[in-house]
Amino acid sequence: MTSLQTRLSAGLITVLAVLTTLVVVIGGYSLRQMAENFVAARLEHDLESVLVAFSFDANGQPRLATDRLNATFHQPYSGHYYQIETADQEICSRSLWDVDLALPPLAANHTTRAFITGPQNQHLLLVGRTFRVNNQLVRIVVTEDFTPLATGLKHLLLEFSLIAVLAFGALLLLQRLIVRRGLAPLEQVRRELPRLGCGEITHLSIHAPDEVRPLVAELNRLLELMNQRQRRTRQSLGNLAHALKTPLTVLSQLANQPPAASDGKAWWHDLRTQIEHIRRLTERELKRARIVGGGTPGQRVLLAQEVTDLVETLRRIHRDCSLCFELRIAPNSVFPGDRDDLLELLGNLLDNACQWARKAVRLTVGVDASVIRLQVEDDGPGCPPDQLDLLRQRGARIDESRAGHGLGLAIISDIVAQYKGSLRLDRSEALGGLLAEVALPLPAGSRP
């Protein structure tokens, strides 16, 4: 059983069946108890009437004024009987004729109630008690035939059961309607999934219950991320193919024109230049293709250890500069994304700062309610304000005398855009060089 609707319906049917059974059983028991109490109350009144009509004469013989009793006690086998027992005599109602009732033990301090079998197998309800009259113990019982009332109760219980079954069927139809209407949004999602697989729609409808809306939103986010990666891959392949046309054409020309003895050095220089150009283009697009973005839920990278290892690597690369790295990272700070993206991002920021710094490079990591901020500063010459926007352009370089290809900040911009963050370039007030600040939004589940 995998259908949620089937599971809910089966559970509700079971509960309704149990409740209906309990209602019928408890209702039947309550009706019978109410009928017994009603008849018993009437019999207690008859018991008092018999006790008032009973007495002892001057010789100690029991006497009963039958004219003061109900006429039903005189009708043969009417079901209304009384029986009085003293120490040496027994008085029975006219309705009993010559039949004696088998009496249960009677107490003196409370009234006894019991069912017994009477004449003609009548089902009698008996009420009796032991009294003390003129210092003599007297046992008095009165009965009434409970059979007609029991038969009426059976018919009433049958009608009640029939009504309960009809109500059970109506409730089943109602609960099925409620379940269908309640699961209608899920059914809509289920119908949209095949359409999504066929490409008829690009995302699922967000009109879903609160319990599954986060799941639908996450699926839509992953679909959008896959579309972005597909577009980025196609764009990277297109860019690479377009960019390789020129160097490949040049290489073809060089291959068709073998170098002469006089210009062999120039021919080899052009060959190496085009090969290096192809290598840089390929490296650039590979770096862009490796950007993962915030695609995998629950990704967390501890910044302290990764930054420490990265700084040690940069120390070896720039060991001739004797740089001083100042790290300001809050304990347990995490990067909400892919580890390679983090290393690519901080690696480019710190490497750029190392190339321009004189002695000091500072990294500051700050986390607030919804954003993580990465600030990299150096004490180098900085950049004129009117040329800061130029640094964002792919391949742009302010100083052609420095090594590099001008792709670092462009790769950083791609990573920041993939994480829907922002990049700010400014002058460092503390160190005087360039300040590069990256602000990345934190996912809802990782916010402090």
Foldseek 3Di string as FASTA:
>chain_A
DPDPLVVVLVVVLVVLVVVLVCCLVVVLVVVVVVVLVVVVVVQVVQQVQQVVQWAADPVRHIDGDCVSHDCCLQDAPQQKKKWKDWPPDIDIGNNQPPDDFDDDDAEAPDKDWDWDQGPPRFTKIKIWHWDQHPNTIMIMMIIGGCVVVVVVSVVVSVVVSVVSVVVSVVVSVVVSVVSCVLCVQVVQQVVCVVVCVVVVDQAGDLPHDPVCSVVRVLVSVLSVLVVVLVVLLVVLVVVLVVQLPVLVVVVVVLVVDDDDPVCNVVSVVSVVVSVVSNVVSVVLSVLLNPQRFLNDPPDKAFDPVLVVVLVVVVCVVLVVQQADEAEAEDPRDIDNHDPVLVCLQVNLLVNVQSQFARHYKYWHWDADQWKIKIKIAGLGQADPPVCPVVLCDAQDDPDPVGDDRSHSNVSNVSNLVSQVWDWDWDADPVRGYIMIMIMGTDPPVPGD
